[in-house]
Every structure is written in C-alpha cells, then in structure tokens.
Amino acid sequence: VDWYAWEKISKKKGDFIYVPKSLMCH
C-alpha cells in the first residue's frame, strides 16, 4: 500500500525530502 503511494507521488511536481538521520525505530 505504501510503496504504491510513493510511486504515485513520485510523479508529482515537488520535493521528496530525505532526512539522512535515524529518527525512528520500526
């Protein structure tokens, strides 16, 4: 469900902002 959402959003104009710090624990 989430990967499908990212793929759709990746086509939109705008920014994918990545914070390269480990800030949550899954």
mmCIF file of all heavy atoms, coordinates in Angstrom:
data_MODEL
# 
_entry.id   MODEL 
# 
loop_
_atom_site.group_PDB 
_atom_site.id 
_atom_site.type_symbol 
_atom_site.label_atom_id 
_atom_site.label_alt_id 
_atom_site.label_comp_id 
_atom_site.label_asym_id 
_atom_site.label_entity_id 
_atom_site.label_seq_id 
_atom_site.pdbx_PDB_ins_code 
_atom_site.Cartn_x 
_atom_site.Cartn_y 
_atom_site.Cartn_z 
_atom_site.occupancy 
_atom_site.B_iso_or_equiv 
_atom_site.pdbx_formal_charge 
_atom_site.auth_seq_id 
_atom_site.auth_comp_id 
_atom_site.auth_asym_id 
_atom_site.auth_atom_id 
_atom_site.pdbx_PDB_model_num 
ATOM 1   N N   . VAL A 1 1  ? 0.835  -1.206 0.000   1.00 0.00 ? 1  VAL A N   1 
ATOM 2   C CA  . VAL A 1 1  ? 0.000  0.000  0.000   1.00 0.00 ? 1  VAL A CA  1 
ATOM 3   C C   . VAL A 1 1  ? 0.868  1.254  0.000   1.00 0.00 ? 1  VAL A C   1 
ATOM 4   O O   . VAL A 1 1  ? 0.605  2.212  -0.738  1.00 0.00 ? 1  VAL A O   1 
ATOM 5   C CB  . VAL A 1 1  ? -0.938 0.003  1.225   1.00 0.00 ? 1  VAL A CB  1 
ATOM 6   C CG1 . VAL A 1 1  ? -1.724 1.303  1.304   1.00 0.00 ? 1  VAL A CG1 1 
ATOM 7   C CG2 . VAL A 1 1  ? -1.894 -1.183 1.164   1.00 0.00 ? 1  VAL A CG2 1 
ATOM 8   N N   . ASP A 1 2  ? 1.902  1.265  0.835   1.00 0.00 ? 2  ASP A N   1 
ATOM 9   C CA  . ASP A 1 2  ? 2.752  2.456  0.938   1.00 0.00 ? 2  ASP A CA  1 
ATOM 10  C C   . ASP A 1 2  ? 3.638  2.631  -0.295  1.00 0.00 ? 2  ASP A C   1 
ATOM 11  O O   . ASP A 1 2  ? 3.753  3.749  -0.829  1.00 0.00 ? 2  ASP A O   1 
ATOM 12  C CB  . ASP A 1 2  ? 3.600  2.414  2.205   1.00 0.00 ? 2  ASP A CB  1 
ATOM 13  C CG  . ASP A 1 2  ? 4.369  1.121  2.384   1.00 0.00 ? 2  ASP A CG  1 
ATOM 14  O OD1 . ASP A 1 2  ? 4.089  0.139  1.666   1.00 0.00 ? 2  ASP A OD1 1 
ATOM 15  O OD2 . ASP A 1 2  ? 5.266  1.075  3.256   1.00 0.00 ? 2  ASP A OD2 1 
ATOM 16  N N   . TRP A 1 3  ? 4.270  1.563  -0.772  1.00 0.00 ? 3  TRP A N   1 
ATOM 17  C CA  . TRP A 1 3  ? 5.134  1.648  -1.962  1.00 0.00 ? 3  TRP A CA  1 
ATOM 18  C C   . TRP A 1 3  ? 4.335  2.164  -3.160  1.00 0.00 ? 3  TRP A C   1 
ATOM 19  O O   . TRP A 1 3  ? 4.822  2.994  -3.934  1.00 0.00 ? 3  TRP A O   1 
ATOM 20  C CB  . TRP A 1 3  ? 5.721  0.272  -2.243  1.00 0.00 ? 3  TRP A CB  1 
ATOM 21  C CG  . TRP A 1 3  ? 6.822  0.200  -3.258  1.00 0.00 ? 3  TRP A CG  1 
ATOM 22  C CD1 . TRP A 1 3  ? 7.464  1.240  -3.872  1.00 0.00 ? 3  TRP A CD1 1 
ATOM 23  C CD2 . TRP A 1 3  ? 7.421  -0.998 -3.756  1.00 0.00 ? 3  TRP A CD2 1 
ATOM 24  N NE1 . TRP A 1 3  ? 8.420  0.764  -4.739  1.00 0.00 ? 3  TRP A NE1 1 
ATOM 25  C CE2 . TRP A 1 3  ? 8.421  -0.602 -4.681  1.00 0.00 ? 3  TRP A CE2 1 
ATOM 26  C CE3 . TRP A 1 3  ? 7.214  -2.357 -3.520  1.00 0.00 ? 3  TRP A CE3 1 
ATOM 27  C CZ2 . TRP A 1 3  ? 9.194  -1.534 -5.371  1.00 0.00 ? 3  TRP A CZ2 1 
ATOM 28  C CZ3 . TRP A 1 3  ? 7.993  -3.276 -4.197  1.00 0.00 ? 3  TRP A CZ3 1 
ATOM 29  C CH2 . TRP A 1 3  ? 8.976  -2.857 -5.108  1.00 0.00 ? 3  TRP A CH2 1 
ATOM 30  N N   . TYR A 1 4  ? 3.113  1.689  -3.305  1.00 0.00 ? 4  TYR A N   1 
ATOM 31  C CA  . TYR A 1 4  ? 2.231  2.139  -4.385  1.00 0.00 ? 4  TYR A CA  1 
ATOM 32  C C   . TYR A 1 4  ? 1.962  3.641  -4.266  1.00 0.00 ? 4  TYR A C   1 
ATOM 33  O O   . TYR A 1 4  ? 1.943  4.367  -5.268  1.00 0.00 ? 4  TYR A O   1 
ATOM 34  C CB  . TYR A 1 4  ? 0.921  1.356  -4.332  1.00 0.00 ? 4  TYR A CB  1 
ATOM 35  C CG  . TYR A 1 4  ? -0.049 1.639  -5.464  1.00 0.00 ? 4  TYR A CG  1 
ATOM 36  C CD1 . TYR A 1 4  ? 0.226  1.239  -6.762  1.00 0.00 ? 4  TYR A CD1 1 
ATOM 37  C CD2 . TYR A 1 4  ? -1.248 2.308  -5.222  1.00 0.00 ? 4  TYR A CD2 1 
ATOM 38  C CE1 . TYR A 1 4  ? -0.661 1.489  -7.799  1.00 0.00 ? 4  TYR A CE1 1 
ATOM 39  C CE2 . TYR A 1 4  ? -2.145 2.567  -6.260  1.00 0.00 ? 4  TYR A CE2 1 
ATOM 40  C CZ  . TYR A 1 4  ? -1.847 2.149  -7.539  1.00 0.00 ? 4  TYR A CZ  1 
ATOM 41  O OH  . TYR A 1 4  ? -2.727 2.408  -8.561  1.00 0.00 ? 4  TYR A OH  1 
ATOM 42  N N   . ALA A 1 5  ? 1.774  4.117  -3.035  1.00 0.00 ? 5  ALA A N   1 
ATOM 43  C CA  . ALA A 1 5  ? 1.546  5.548  -2.810  1.00 0.00 ? 5  ALA A CA  1 
ATOM 44  C C   . ALA A 1 5  ? 2.782  6.369  -3.171  1.00 0.00 ? 5  ALA A C   1 
ATOM 45  O O   . ALA A 1 5  ? 2.683  7.415  -3.823  1.00 0.00 ? 5  ALA A O   1 
ATOM 46  C CB  . ALA A 1 5  ? 1.155  5.795  -1.354  1.00 0.00 ? 5  ALA A CB  1 
ATOM 47  N N   . TRP A 1 6  ? 3.974  5.890  -2.759  1.00 0.00 ? 6  TRP A N   1 
ATOM 48  C CA  . TRP A 1 6  ? 5.206  6.644  -3.074  1.00 0.00 ? 6  TRP A CA  1 
ATOM 49  C C   . TRP A 1 6  ? 5.400  6.720  -4.587  1.00 0.00 ? 6  TRP A C   1 
ATOM 50  O O   . TRP A 1 6  ? 5.831  7.755  -5.110  1.00 0.00 ? 6  TRP A O   1 
ATOM 51  C CB  . TRP A 1 6  ? 6.439  5.989  -2.443  1.00 0.00 ? 6  TRP A CB  1 
ATOM 52  C CG  . TRP A 1 6  ? 6.367  5.548  -1.020  1.00 0.00 ? 6  TRP A CG  1 
ATOM 53  C CD1 . TRP A 1 6  ? 7.042  4.493  -0.467  1.00 0.00 ? 6  TRP A CD1 1 
ATOM 54  C CD2 . TRP A 1 6  ? 5.620  6.121  0.072   1.00 0.00 ? 6  TRP A CD2 1 
ATOM 55  N NE1 . TRP A 1 6  ? 6.754  4.365  0.861   1.00 0.00 ? 6  TRP A NE1 1 
ATOM 56  C CE2 . TRP A 1 6  ? 5.885  5.354  1.219   1.00 0.00 ? 6  TRP A CE2 1 
ATOM 57  C CE3 . TRP A 1 6  ? 4.743  7.202  0.163   1.00 0.00 ? 6  TRP A CE3 1 
ATOM 58  C CZ2 . TRP A 1 6  ? 5.315  5.630  2.460   1.00 0.00 ? 6  TRP A CZ2 1 
ATOM 59  C CZ3 . TRP A 1 6  ? 4.155  7.476  1.395   1.00 0.00 ? 6  TRP A CZ3 1 
ATOM 60  C CH2 . TRP A 1 6  ? 4.435  6.709  2.517   1.00 0.00 ? 6  TRP A CH2 1 
ATOM 61  N N   . GLU A 1 7  ? 5.097  5.610  -5.283  1.00 0.00 ? 7  GLU A N   1 
ATOM 62  C CA  . GLU A 1 7  ? 5.261  5.603  -6.738  1.00 0.00 ? 7  GLU A CA  1 
ATOM 63  C C   . GLU A 1 7  ? 4.375  6.647  -7.395  1.00 0.00 ? 7  GLU A C   1 
ATOM 64  O O   . GLU A 1 7  ? 4.803  7.358  -8.310  1.00 0.00 ? 7  GLU A O   1 
ATOM 65  C CB  . GLU A 1 7  ? 4.939  4.199  -7.282  1.00 0.00 ? 7  GLU A CB  1 
ATOM 66  C CG  . GLU A 1 7  ? 5.321  3.979  -8.737  1.00 0.00 ? 7  GLU A CG  1 
ATOM 67  C CD  . GLU A 1 7  ? 4.260  4.438  -9.727  1.00 0.00 ? 7  GLU A CD  1 
ATOM 68  O OE1 . GLU A 1 7  ? 3.065  4.457  -9.348  1.00 0.00 ? 7  GLU A OE1 1 
ATOM 69  O OE2 . GLU A 1 7  ? 4.614  4.787  -10.885 1.00 0.00 ? 7  GLU A OE2 1 
ATOM 70  N N   . LYS A 1 8  ? 3.146  6.766  -6.932  1.00 0.00 ? 8  LYS A N   1 
ATOM 71  C CA  . LYS A 1 8  ? 2.238  7.779  -7.482  1.00 0.00 ? 8  LYS A CA  1 
ATOM 72  C C   . LYS A 1 8  ? 2.732  9.184  -7.175  1.00 0.00 ? 8  LYS A C   1 
ATOM 73  O O   . LYS A 1 8  ? 2.751  10.054 -8.052  1.00 0.00 ? 8  LYS A O   1 
ATOM 74  C CB  . LYS A 1 8  ? 0.829  7.603  -6.904  1.00 0.00 ? 8  LYS A CB  1 
ATOM 75  C CG  . LYS A 1 8  ? 0.060  6.408  -7.421  1.00 0.00 ? 8  LYS A CG  1 
ATOM 76  C CD  . LYS A 1 8  ? -1.421 6.544  -7.065  1.00 0.00 ? 8  LYS A CD  1 
ATOM 77  C CE  . LYS A 1 8  ? -1.612 6.797  -5.578  1.00 0.00 ? 8  LYS A CE  1 
ATOM 78  N NZ  . LYS A 1 8  ? -3.014 7.049  -5.222  1.00 0.00 ? 8  LYS A NZ  1 
ATOM 79  N N   . ILE A 1 9  ? 3.120  9.399  -5.917  1.00 0.00 ? 9  ILE A N   1 
ATOM 80  C CA  . ILE A 1 9  ? 3.572  10.734 -5.506  1.00 0.00 ? 9  ILE A CA  1 
ATOM 81  C C   . ILE A 1 9  ? 4.859  11.120 -6.221  1.00 0.00 ? 9  ILE A C   1 
ATOM 82  O O   . ILE A 1 9  ? 5.098  12.292 -6.506  1.00 0.00 ? 9  ILE A O   1 
ATOM 83  C CB  . ILE A 1 9  ? 3.757  10.783 -3.971  1.00 0.00 ? 9  ILE A CB  1 
ATOM 84  C CG1 . ILE A 1 9  ? 2.412  10.547 -3.269  1.00 0.00 ? 9  ILE A CG1 1 
ATOM 85  C CG2 . ILE A 1 9  ? 4.327  12.120 -3.527  1.00 0.00 ? 9  ILE A CG2 1 
ATOM 86  C CD1 . ILE A 1 9  ? 2.523  10.380 -1.754  1.00 0.00 ? 9  ILE A CD1 1 
ATOM 87  N N   . SER A 1 10 ? 5.691  10.131 -6.558  1.00 0.00 ? 10 SER A N   1 
ATOM 88  C CA  . SER A 1 10 ? 6.978  10.416 -7.209  1.00 0.00 ? 10 SER A CA  1 
ATOM 89  C C   . SER A 1 10 ? 6.809  11.071 -8.571  1.00 0.00 ? 10 SER A C   1 
ATOM 90  O O   . SER A 1 10 ? 7.743  11.682 -9.094  1.00 0.00 ? 10 SER A O   1 
ATOM 91  C CB  . SER A 1 10 ? 7.792  9.128  -7.355  1.00 0.00 ? 10 SER A CB  1 
ATOM 92  O OG  . SER A 1 10 ? 7.265  8.279  -8.364  1.00 0.00 ? 10 SER A OG  1 
ATOM 93  N N   . LYS A 1 11 ? 5.616  10.964 -9.153  1.00 0.00 ? 11 LYS A N   1 
ATOM 94  C CA  . LYS A 1 11 ? 5.353  11.556 -10.469 1.00 0.00 ? 11 LYS A CA  1 
ATOM 95  C C   . LYS A 1 11 ? 4.943  13.023 -10.382 1.00 0.00 ? 11 LYS A C   1 
ATOM 96  O O   . LYS A 1 11 ? 4.881  13.712 -11.398 1.00 0.00 ? 11 LYS A O   1 
ATOM 97  C CB  . LYS A 1 11 ? 4.254  10.772 -11.176 1.00 0.00 ? 11 LYS A CB  1 
ATOM 98  C CG  . LYS A 1 11 ? 4.581  9.311  -11.450 1.00 0.00 ? 11 LYS A CG  1 
ATOM 99  C CD  . LYS A 1 11 ? 3.379  8.595  -12.055 1.00 0.00 ? 11 LYS A CD  1 
ATOM 100 C CE  . LYS A 1 11 ? 3.650  7.129  -12.285 1.00 0.00 ? 11 LYS A CE  1 
ATOM 101 N NZ  . LYS A 1 11 ? 2.453  6.420  -12.825 1.00 0.00 ? 11 LYS A NZ  1 
ATOM 102 N N   . LYS A 1 12 ? 4.657  13.486 -9.177  1.00 0.00 ? 12 LYS A N   1 
ATOM 103 C CA  . LYS A 1 12 ? 4.161  14.840 -8.996  1.00 0.00 ? 12 LYS A CA  1 
ATOM 104 C C   . LYS A 1 12 ? 5.302  15.859 -8.945  1.00 0.00 ? 12 LYS A C   1 
ATOM 105 O O   . LYS A 1 12 ? 6.438  15.527 -8.597  1.00 0.00 ? 12 LYS A O   1 
ATOM 106 C CB  . LYS A 1 12 ? 3.336  14.939 -7.708  1.00 0.00 ? 12 LYS A CB  1 
ATOM 107 C CG  . LYS A 1 12 ? 2.069  14.098 -7.708  1.00 0.00 ? 12 LYS A CG  1 
ATOM 108 C CD  . LYS A 1 12 ? 1.308  14.224 -6.415  1.00 0.00 ? 12 LYS A CD  1 
ATOM 109 C CE  . LYS A 1 12 ? 0.744  15.611 -6.215  1.00 0.00 ? 12 LYS A CE  1 
ATOM 110 N NZ  . LYS A 1 12 ? -0.321 15.949 -7.195  1.00 0.00 ? 12 LYS A NZ  1 
ATOM 111 N N   . LYS A 1 13 ? 4.977  17.084 -9.263  1.00 0.00 ? 13 LYS A N   1 
ATOM 112 C CA  . LYS A 1 13 ? 5.943  18.177 -9.150  1.00 0.00 ? 13 LYS A CA  1 
ATOM 113 C C   . LYS A 1 13 ? 6.087  18.549 -7.686  1.00 0.00 ? 13 LYS A C   1 
ATOM 114 O O   . LYS A 1 13 ? 5.098  18.753 -6.981  1.00 0.00 ? 13 LYS A O   1 
ATOM 115 C CB  . LYS A 1 13 ? 5.467  19.385 -9.946  1.00 0.00 ? 13 LYS A CB  1 
ATOM 116 C CG  . LYS A 1 13 ? 6.432  20.568 -9.901  1.00 0.00 ? 13 LYS A CG  1 
ATOM 117 C CD  . LYS A 1 13 ? 5.906  21.729 -10.722 1.00 0.00 ? 13 LYS A CD  1 
ATOM 118 C CE  . LYS A 1 13 ? 6.868  22.899 -10.678 1.00 0.00 ? 13 LYS A CE  1 
ATOM 119 N NZ  . LYS A 1 13 ? 6.362  24.058 -11.471 1.00 0.00 ? 13 LYS A NZ  1 
ATOM 120 N N   . GLY A 1 14 ? 7.312  18.610 -7.217  1.00 0.00 ? 14 GLY A N   1 
ATOM 121 C CA  . GLY A 1 14 ? 7.563  18.924 -5.823  1.00 0.00 ? 14 GLY A CA  1 
ATOM 122 C C   . GLY A 1 14 ? 8.738  18.125 -5.296  1.00 0.00 ? 14 GLY A C   1 
ATOM 123 O O   . GLY A 1 14 ? 9.437  17.455 -6.058  1.00 0.00 ? 14 GLY A O   1 
ATOM 124 N N   . ASP A 1 15 ? 8.947  18.177 -3.982  1.00 0.00 ? 15 ASP A N   1 
ATOM 125 C CA  . ASP A 1 15 ? 10.143 17.593 -3.381  1.00 0.00 ? 15 ASP A CA  1 
ATOM 126 C C   . ASP A 1 15 ? 9.873  16.347 -2.548  1.00 0.00 ? 15 ASP A C   1 
ATOM 127 O O   . ASP A 1 15 ? 8.913  16.295 -1.772  1.00 0.00 ? 15 ASP A O   1 
ATOM 128 C CB  . ASP A 1 15 ? 10.826 18.625 -2.478  1.00 0.00 ? 15 ASP A CB  1 
ATOM 129 C CG  . ASP A 1 15 ? 11.437 19.770 -3.270  1.00 0.00 ? 15 ASP A CG  1 
ATOM 130 O OD1 . ASP A 1 15 ? 11.663 19.596 -4.484  1.00 0.00 ? 15 ASP A OD1 1 
ATOM 131 O OD2 . ASP A 1 15 ? 11.700 20.826 -2.661  1.00 0.00 ? 15 ASP A OD2 1 
ATOM 132 N N   . PHE A 1 16 ? 10.744 15.345 -2.746  1.00 0.00 ? 16 PHE A N   1 
ATOM 133 C CA  . PHE A 1 16 ? 10.869 14.197 -1.847  1.00 0.00 ? 16 PHE A CA  1 
ATOM 134 C C   . PHE A 1 16 ? 12.005 14.572 -0.897  1.00 0.00 ? 16 PHE A C   1 
ATOM 135 O O   . PHE A 1 16 ? 13.173 14.518 -1.277  1.00 0.00 ? 16 PHE A O   1 
ATOM 136 C CB  . PHE A 1 16 ? 11.266 12.942 -2.636  1.00 0.00 ? 16 PHE A CB  1 
ATOM 137 C CG  . PHE A 1 16 ? 10.131 12.036 -2.991  1.00 0.00 ? 16 PHE A CG  1 
ATOM 138 C CD1 . PHE A 1 16 ? 8.925  12.539 -3.434  1.00 0.00 ? 16 PHE A CD1 1 
ATOM 139 C CD2 . PHE A 1 16 ? 10.276 10.658 -2.901  1.00 0.00 ? 16 PHE A CD2 1 
ATOM 140 C CE1 . PHE A 1 16 ? 7.875  11.684 -3.778  1.00 0.00 ? 16 PHE A CE1 1 
ATOM 141 C CE2 . PHE A 1 16 ? 9.247  9.801  -3.242  1.00 0.00 ? 16 PHE A CE2 1 
ATOM 142 C CZ  . PHE A 1 16 ? 8.036  10.311 -3.678  1.00 0.00 ? 16 PHE A CZ  1 
ATOM 143 N N   . ILE A 1 17 ? 11.683 14.915 0.331   1.00 0.00 ? 17 ILE A N   1 
ATOM 144 C CA  . ILE A 1 17 ? 12.688 15.406 1.272   1.00 0.00 ? 17 ILE A CA  1 
ATOM 145 C C   . ILE A 1 17 ? 13.193 14.251 2.131   1.00 0.00 ? 17 ILE A C   1 
ATOM 146 O O   . ILE A 1 17 ? 12.413 13.600 2.823   1.00 0.00 ? 17 ILE A O   1 
ATOM 147 C CB  . ILE A 1 17 ? 12.096 16.500 2.178   1.00 0.00 ? 17 ILE A CB  1 
ATOM 148 C CG1 . ILE A 1 17 ? 11.493 17.627 1.323   1.00 0.00 ? 17 ILE A CG1 1 
ATOM 149 C CG2 . ILE A 1 17 ? 13.144 17.052 3.129   1.00 0.00 ? 17 ILE A CG2 1 
ATOM 150 C CD1 . ILE A 1 17 ? 10.627 18.588 2.120   1.00 0.00 ? 17 ILE A CD1 1 
ATOM 151 N N   . TYR A 1 18 ? 14.482 14.015 2.083   1.00 0.00 ? 18 TYR A N   1 
ATOM 152 C CA  . TYR A 1 18 ? 15.082 12.911 2.838   1.00 0.00 ? 18 TYR A CA  1 
ATOM 153 C C   . TYR A 1 18 ? 15.951 13.461 3.955   1.00 0.00 ? 18 TYR A C   1 
ATOM 154 O O   . TYR A 1 18 ? 16.864 14.250 3.715   1.00 0.00 ? 18 TYR A O   1 
ATOM 155 C CB  . TYR A 1 18 ? 15.900 12.027 1.903   1.00 0.00 ? 18 TYR A CB  1 
ATOM 156 C CG  . TYR A 1 18 ? 16.631 10.891 2.581   1.00 0.00 ? 18 TYR A CG  1 
ATOM 157 C CD1 . TYR A 1 18 ? 16.016 10.107 3.551   1.00 0.00 ? 18 TYR A CD1 1 
ATOM 158 C CD2 . TYR A 1 18 ? 17.946 10.584 2.217   1.00 0.00 ? 18 TYR A CD2 1 
ATOM 159 C CE1 . TYR A 1 18 ? 16.685 9.052  4.146   1.00 0.00 ? 18 TYR A CE1 1 
ATOM 160 C CE2 . TYR A 1 18 ? 18.624 9.529  2.804   1.00 0.00 ? 18 TYR A CE2 1 
ATOM 161 C CZ  . TYR A 1 18 ? 17.993 8.770  3.767   1.00 0.00 ? 18 TYR A CZ  1 
ATOM 162 O OH  . TYR A 1 18 ? 18.665 7.721  4.358   1.00 0.00 ? 18 TYR A OH  1 
ATOM 163 N N   . VAL A 1 19 ? 15.660 13.046 5.190   1.00 0.00 ? 19 VAL A N   1 
ATOM 164 C CA  . VAL A 1 19 ? 16.479 13.395 6.347   1.00 0.00 ? 19 VAL A CA  1 
ATOM 165 C C   . VAL A 1 19 ? 17.364 12.186 6.654   1.00 0.00 ? 19 VAL A C   1 
ATOM 166 O O   . VAL A 1 19 ? 16.873 11.173 7.168   1.00 0.00 ? 19 VAL A O   1 
ATOM 167 C CB  . VAL A 1 19 ? 15.603 13.726 7.573   1.00 0.00 ? 19 VAL A CB  1 
ATOM 168 C CG1 . VAL A 1 19 ? 16.486 14.177 8.744   1.00 0.00 ? 19 VAL A CG1 1 
ATOM 169 C CG2 . VAL A 1 19 ? 14.574 14.800 7.233   1.00 0.00 ? 19 VAL A CG2 1 
ATOM 170 N N   . PRO A 1 20 ? 18.651 12.244 6.330   1.00 0.00 ? 20 PRO A N   1 
ATOM 171 C CA  . PRO A 1 20 ? 19.524 11.067 6.469   1.00 0.00 ? 20 PRO A CA  1 
ATOM 172 C C   . PRO A 1 20 ? 19.987 10.820 7.897   1.00 0.00 ? 20 PRO A C   1 
ATOM 173 O O   . PRO A 1 20 ? 21.160 10.574 8.158   1.00 0.00 ? 20 PRO A O   1 
ATOM 174 C CB  . PRO A 1 20 ? 20.693 11.407 5.541   1.00 0.00 ? 20 PRO A CB  1 
ATOM 175 C CG  . PRO A 1 20 ? 20.778 12.887 5.610   1.00 0.00 ? 20 PRO A CG  1 
ATOM 176 C CD  . PRO A 1 20 ? 19.353 13.386 5.730   1.00 0.00 ? 20 PRO A CD  1 
ATOM 177 N N   . LYS A 1 21 ? 19.053 10.896 8.827   1.00 0.00 ? 21 LYS A N   1 
ATOM 178 C CA  . LYS A 1 21 ? 19.332 10.621 10.236  1.00 0.00 ? 21 LYS A CA  1 
ATOM 179 C C   . LYS A 1 21 ? 18.316 9.586  10.718  1.00 0.00 ? 21 LYS A C   1 
ATOM 180 O O   . LYS A 1 21 ? 17.132 9.675  10.392  1.00 0.00 ? 21 LYS A O   1 
ATOM 181 C CB  . LYS A 1 21 ? 19.217 11.891 11.079  1.00 0.00 ? 21 LYS A CB  1 
ATOM 182 C CG  . LYS A 1 21 ? 20.184 13.002 10.694  1.00 0.00 ? 21 LYS A CG  1 
ATOM 183 C CD  . LYS A 1 21 ? 19.974 14.233 11.554  1.00 0.00 ? 21 LYS A CD  1 
ATOM 184 C CE  . LYS A 1 21 ? 20.896 15.376 11.128  1.00 0.00 ? 21 LYS A CE  1 
ATOM 185 N NZ  . LYS A 1 21 ? 22.303 15.066 11.369  1.00 0.00 ? 21 LYS A NZ  1 
ATOM 186 N N   . SER A 1 22 ? 18.767 8.637  11.493  1.00 0.00 ? 22 SER A N   1 
ATOM 187 C CA  . SER A 1 22 ? 17.875 7.599  12.008  1.00 0.00 ? 22 SER A CA  1 
ATOM 188 C C   . SER A 1 22 ? 17.047 8.189  13.154  1.00 0.00 ? 22 SER A C   1 
ATOM 189 O O   . SER A 1 22 ? 17.514 8.280  14.285  1.00 0.00 ? 22 SER A O   1 
ATOM 190 C CB  . SER A 1 22 ? 18.689 6.394  12.496  1.00 0.00 ? 22 SER A CB  1 
ATOM 191 O OG  . SER A 1 22 ? 17.832 5.376  12.955  1.00 0.00 ? 22 SER A OG  1 
ATOM 192 N N   . LEU A 1 23 ? 15.807 8.563  12.844  1.00 0.00 ? 23 LEU A N   1 
ATOM 193 C CA  . LEU A 1 23 ? 14.982 9.290  13.801  1.00 0.00 ? 23 LEU A CA  1 
ATOM 194 C C   . LEU A 1 23 ? 13.735 8.535  14.236  1.00 0.00 ? 23 LEU A C   1 
ATOM 195 O O   . LEU A 1 23 ? 12.895 9.089  14.952  1.00 0.00 ? 23 LEU A O   1 
ATOM 196 C CB  . LEU A 1 23 ? 14.593 10.659 13.214  1.00 0.00 ? 23 LEU A CB  1 
ATOM 197 C CG  . LEU A 1 23 ? 15.766 11.620 13.002  1.00 0.00 ? 23 LEU A CG  1 
ATOM 198 C CD1 . LEU A 1 23 ? 15.303 12.885 12.293  1.00 0.00 ? 23 LEU A CD1 1 
ATOM 199 C CD2 . LEU A 1 23 ? 16.424 11.967 14.337  1.00 0.00 ? 23 LEU A CD2 1 
ATOM 200 N N   . MET A 1 24 ? 13.595 7.290  13.797  1.00 0.00 ? 24 MET A N   1 
ATOM 201 C CA  . MET A 1 24 ? 12.520 6.449  14.333  1.00 0.00 ? 24 MET A CA  1 
ATOM 202 C C   . MET A 1 24 ? 12.951 4.993  14.275  1.00 0.00 ? 24 MET A C   1 
ATOM 203 O O   . MET A 1 24 ? 13.847 4.628  13.506  1.00 0.00 ? 24 MET A O   1 
ATOM 204 C CB  . MET A 1 24 ? 11.184 6.687  13.613  1.00 0.00 ? 24 MET A CB  1 
ATOM 205 C CG  . MET A 1 24 ? 11.135 6.396  12.132  1.00 0.00 ? 24 MET A CG  1 
ATOM 206 S SD  . MET A 1 24 ? 10.775 4.661  11.750  1.00 0.00 ? 24 MET A SD  1 
ATOM 207 C CE  . MET A 1 24 ? 9.234  4.406  12.597  1.00 0.00 ? 24 MET A CE  1 
ATOM 208 N N   . CYS A 1 25 ? 12.321 4.188  15.115  1.00 0.00 ? 25 CYS A N   1 
ATOM 209 C CA  . CYS A 1 25 ? 12.645 2.760  15.196  1.00 0.00 ? 25 CYS A CA  1 
ATOM 210 C C   . CYS A 1 25 ? 11.421 1.959  14.792  1.00 0.00 ? 25 CYS A C   1 
ATOM 211 O O   . CYS A 1 25 ? 10.369 2.056  15.437  1.00 0.00 ? 25 CYS A O   1 
ATOM 212 C CB  . CYS A 1 25 ? 13.067 2.385  16.609  1.00 0.00 ? 25 CYS A CB  1 
ATOM 213 S SG  . CYS A 1 25 ? 14.517 3.255  17.212  1.00 0.00 ? 25 CYS A SG  1 
ATOM 214 N N   . HIS A 1 26 ? 11.565 1.176  13.746  1.00 0.00 ? 26 HIS A N   1 
ATOM 215 C CA  . HIS A 1 26 ? 10.479 0.349  13.232  1.00 0.00 ? 26 HIS A CA  1 
ATOM 216 C C   . HIS A 1 26 ? 10.577 -1.035 13.854  1.00 0.00 ? 26 HIS A C   1 
ATOM 217 O O   . HIS A 1 26 ? 11.589 -1.715 13.708  1.00 0.00 ? 26 HIS A O   1 
ATOM 218 C CB  . HIS A 1 26 ? 10.586 0.271  11.711  1.00 0.00 ? 26 HIS A CB  1 
ATOM 219 C CG  . HIS A 1 26 ? 9.515  -0.541 11.060  1.00 0.00 ? 26 HIS A CG  1 
ATOM 220 N ND1 . HIS A 1 26 ? 8.177  -0.384 11.338  1.00 0.00 ? 26 HIS A ND1 1 
ATOM 221 C CD2 . HIS A 1 26 ? 9.590  -1.526 10.135  1.00 0.00 ? 26 HIS A CD2 1 
ATOM 222 C CE1 . HIS A 1 26 ? 7.476  -1.232 10.621  1.00 0.00 ? 26 HIS A CE1 1 
ATOM 223 N NE2 . HIS A 1 26 ? 8.307  -1.940 9.888   1.00 0.00 ? 26 HIS A NE2 1 
# 
